[in-house]
Protein backbone atom coordinates (compact mmCIF):
# COMPACT_ATOMS: atom_id res chain seq x y z
CA MET A 1 -4.72 13.22 0.70
CA GLU A 2 -5.29 13.10 4.40
CA ILE A 3 -3.61 11.85 7.54
CA ILE A 4 -5.61 9.04 9.13
CA PRO A 5 -5.35 7.84 12.74
CA HIS A 6 -3.08 5.02 13.85
CA ASN A 7 -2.23 3.64 17.27
CA SER A 8 0.10 1.19 19.00
CA ASP A 9 -2.48 -1.64 18.82
CA MET A 10 -2.45 -1.35 15.02
CA VAL A 11 1.35 -1.42 14.96
CA THR A 12 1.42 -4.48 17.24
CA ALA A 13 -1.18 -6.30 15.10
CA ALA A 14 0.79 -5.52 11.93
CA ILE A 15 4.06 -6.80 13.40
CA THR A 16 2.40 -9.99 14.65
CA LYS A 17 0.78 -10.71 11.27
CA ALA A 18 4.01 -9.97 9.36
CA GLU A 19 6.08 -12.28 11.54
CA LYS A 20 3.50 -15.04 11.18
CA LEU A 21 3.39 -14.63 7.39
CA GLY A 22 7.13 -14.41 6.66
CA PRO A 23 8.36 -14.05 3.06
CA ILE A 24 5.61 -14.12 0.43
CA ARG A 25 5.52 -15.04 -3.23
CA ASN A 26 5.32 -12.08 -5.66
CA SER A 27 6.48 -9.65 -2.96
CA ILE A 28 8.62 -6.76 -4.22
CA LEU A 29 10.74 -6.88 -1.06
CA LYS A 30 10.40 -10.65 -0.46
CA GLY A 31 8.26 -10.01 2.60
CA GLY A 32 10.34 -7.11 3.90
CA GLY A 33 7.41 -4.72 3.53
CA ASN A 34 4.86 -6.98 5.23
CA ARG A 35 4.75 -4.90 8.40
CA ALA A 36 4.07 -1.75 6.40
CA GLY A 37 1.42 -3.47 4.31
CA TYR A 38 -0.40 -4.80 7.34
CA LEU A 39 -0.18 -1.45 9.13
CA GLY A 40 -1.70 0.24 6.07
CA GLU A 41 -4.55 -2.28 6.20
CA GLU A 42 -5.06 -1.81 9.95
CA ALA A 43 -5.25 2.00 9.78
CA LEU A 44 -7.35 2.11 6.62
CA SER A 45 -9.84 -0.53 7.79
CA ALA A 46 -10.42 1.36 11.04
CA HIS A 47 -10.81 4.64 9.15
CA ILE A 48 -13.35 3.42 6.58
CA GLY A 49 -15.08 0.74 8.68
CA ALA A 50 -13.93 -2.22 6.56
CA THR A 51 -13.22 -5.81 7.59
CA ILE A 52 -9.66 -7.11 7.19
CA VAL A 53 -9.58 -10.43 5.33
CA SER A 54 -5.92 -10.55 4.22
CA SER A 55 -4.97 -13.00 6.98
CA ASP A 56 -8.01 -15.22 6.47
CA GLU A 57 -7.59 -18.80 5.32
CA GLY A 58 -8.13 -19.82 1.73
CA VAL A 59 -7.41 -18.50 -1.75
CA ASP A 60 -9.39 -15.27 -1.37
CA LYS A 61 -6.83 -13.80 1.03
CA TYR A 62 -4.44 -13.27 -1.89
CA ASP A 63 -6.85 -11.33 -4.05
CA HIS A 64 -7.82 -8.49 -1.70
CA ASP A 65 -7.18 -7.18 1.80
CA LEU A 66 -10.44 -5.61 2.97
CA LEU A 67 -14.18 -6.00 2.51
CA LEU A 68 -16.55 -3.05 2.71
CA ASN A 69 -20.21 -3.26 1.73
CA GLY A 70 -19.46 -6.23 -0.52
CA LYS A 71 -16.54 -4.47 -2.27
CA ARG A 72 -13.16 -6.19 -2.36
CA ILE A 73 -10.42 -3.65 -1.60
CA GLU A 74 -6.72 -4.17 -2.22
CA VAL A 75 -4.56 -1.84 -0.11
CA LYS A 76 -1.23 -0.73 -1.59
CA THR A 77 1.13 0.78 0.96
CA LYS A 78 4.45 2.60 0.49
CA ARG A 79 6.94 3.63 3.12
CA ARG A 80 8.32 7.17 2.88
CA THR A 81 10.55 9.51 4.89
CA VAL A 82 8.68 12.68 3.89
CA PRO A 83 5.02 13.60 3.54
CA PRO A 84 3.71 12.48 0.13
CA LYS A 85 3.29 15.08 -2.60
CA GLU A 86 0.76 15.17 -5.43
CA ASP A 87 3.41 14.31 -8.05
CA TYR A 88 4.72 11.26 -6.14
CA ASP A 89 3.72 7.88 -7.56
CA VAL A 90 1.68 5.02 -6.21
CA SER A 91 2.46 1.57 -7.57
CA VAL A 92 1.00 -1.82 -8.36
CA ALA A 93 3.61 -4.50 -9.10
CA LYS A 94 3.11 -6.41 -12.34
CA THR A 95 3.34 -9.61 -10.26
CA SER A 96 0.16 -8.46 -8.43
CA THR A 97 -2.02 -8.11 -11.53
CA HIS A 98 -3.54 -11.54 -10.85
CA GLN A 99 -5.45 -9.93 -7.98
CA LYS A 100 -9.02 -9.00 -8.86
CA PRO A 101 -10.20 -6.38 -6.37
CA ASP A 102 -13.09 -4.03 -7.00
CA LEU A 103 -10.99 -1.11 -5.79
CA TYR A 104 -7.39 -0.19 -5.06
CA MET A 105 -6.79 2.15 -2.11
CA PHE A 106 -3.37 3.69 -1.60
CA VAL A 107 -1.66 4.48 1.71
CA SER A 108 1.74 5.95 2.60
CA LEU A 109 3.48 5.51 5.91
CA GLU A 110 5.71 8.46 6.83
CA PHE A 111 8.70 7.51 8.98
CA GLY A 112 11.19 9.73 10.80
CA LYS A 113 14.22 7.42 10.52
CA THR A 114 15.77 4.92 8.12
CA SER A 115 18.87 2.74 8.03
CA GLY A 116 20.39 0.62 5.29
CA LYS A 117 19.88 0.94 1.54
CA GLY A 118 17.85 -0.57 -1.29
CA LYS A 119 15.99 -3.75 -0.43
CA ASN A 120 17.71 -3.79 2.99
CA LYS A 121 16.43 -0.35 4.01
CA THR A 122 14.56 -0.34 7.31
CA TYR A 123 12.18 2.31 8.59
CA SER A 124 11.42 3.41 12.15
CA ASP A 125 9.77 6.23 14.09
CA LEU A 126 6.35 6.21 12.42
CA GLN A 127 5.09 9.78 12.06
CA ASN A 128 1.89 9.60 10.00
CA VAL A 129 -0.36 7.31 8.00
CA TRP A 130 -1.57 9.00 4.82
CA LEU A 131 -4.65 7.98 2.82
CA LEU A 132 -3.76 9.03 -0.72
CA GLY A 133 -6.79 8.01 -2.78
CA GLN A 134 -8.38 5.20 -4.73
CA LYS A 135 -8.97 3.84 -8.25
CA THR A 136 -10.82 0.96 -9.79
CA PRO A 137 -8.42 -1.54 -11.40
CA GLU A 138 -9.73 -0.67 -14.87
CA GLU A 139 -9.08 3.05 -14.38
CA TYR A 140 -5.75 2.43 -12.72
CA PHE A 141 -4.25 0.30 -15.47
CA ASN A 142 -5.67 2.54 -18.22
CA GLU A 143 -3.92 5.57 -16.70
CA ALA A 144 -0.75 4.05 -15.18
CA THR A 145 2.68 3.82 -16.78
CA LEU A 146 4.64 0.56 -16.75
CA TRP A 147 8.10 0.96 -15.23
CA GLU A 148 10.40 -1.99 -15.85
CA SER A 149 12.69 -3.50 -13.24
CA GLY A 150 15.87 -1.42 -13.03
CA ASP A 151 14.28 1.80 -14.34
CA ILE A 152 15.46 4.85 -12.40
CA ASP A 153 13.11 7.67 -11.44
CA SER A 154 15.11 10.79 -12.33
CA SER A 155 13.12 12.90 -9.84
CA ASN A 156 14.38 10.99 -6.79
CA GLY A 157 16.92 8.36 -7.88
CA PHE A 158 14.67 5.41 -6.95
CA THR A 159 15.45 2.23 -8.88
CA THR A 160 12.47 -0.07 -9.45
CA HIS A 161 12.90 -3.55 -7.96
CA VAL A 162 10.32 -5.23 -10.23
CA ASP A 163 8.11 -4.29 -13.16
CA MET A 164 5.41 -2.00 -11.77
CA TYR A 165 2.57 0.19 -12.90
CA ASN A 166 2.96 3.73 -11.52
CA LEU A 167 0.47 6.57 -11.32
CA PRO A 168 0.90 10.05 -9.78
CA ILE A 169 -1.09 10.63 -6.59
CA ASP A 170 -2.91 13.57 -8.17
CA LYS A 171 -4.53 11.15 -10.65
CA LEU A 172 -6.22 9.15 -7.85
CA ASP A 173 -9.86 9.59 -6.90
CA ARG A 174 -10.46 11.11 -3.51
CA VAL A 175 -11.84 8.98 -0.69
CA GLU A 176 -14.75 10.92 0.81
CA GLY A 177 -15.96 10.60 4.38
CA LYS A 178 -15.22 8.11 7.12
CA HIS A 179 -16.67 5.13 5.28
CA GLY A 180 -14.85 5.43 1.96
CA LYS A 181 -17.73 6.83 -0.03
CA SER A 182 -16.57 8.57 -3.16
């Protein structure tokens, strides 16, 4: 895991894209996490030198977020209020299994403040963007555990909103170097 750079231009771009997109089909939070997702893409793409294609026109925009050296990368971003730990999970919603990326890359956004609860929880005061690791889809789904909607994580009280495949961060492959070489 490592903290990667972010700046106000990335935040502005993420907010603009999220507002333009609005609610999306198969979204865990019905579009409520769009800003976070786009910010994860913005920071990661700048860090590894990838091209963002998630806002492009056409069907391909739904199957991956970034392109790097011909590889299709799907970025999965979670919002947190604390720095991520090795035993925390990353997730891929069951409703997202139609996507066919070459690689999943996982990002956490660490925020200093929250308000509200559950699906209405909002985050503010961005502290850090964390690059957690990566996995090919085949490896991810072979190693992940399916959590069903309504399951409660006894370690933190989180209730799953939808069926999702979870994997501890320490099971991810490390992303080496500035350009995502592993």
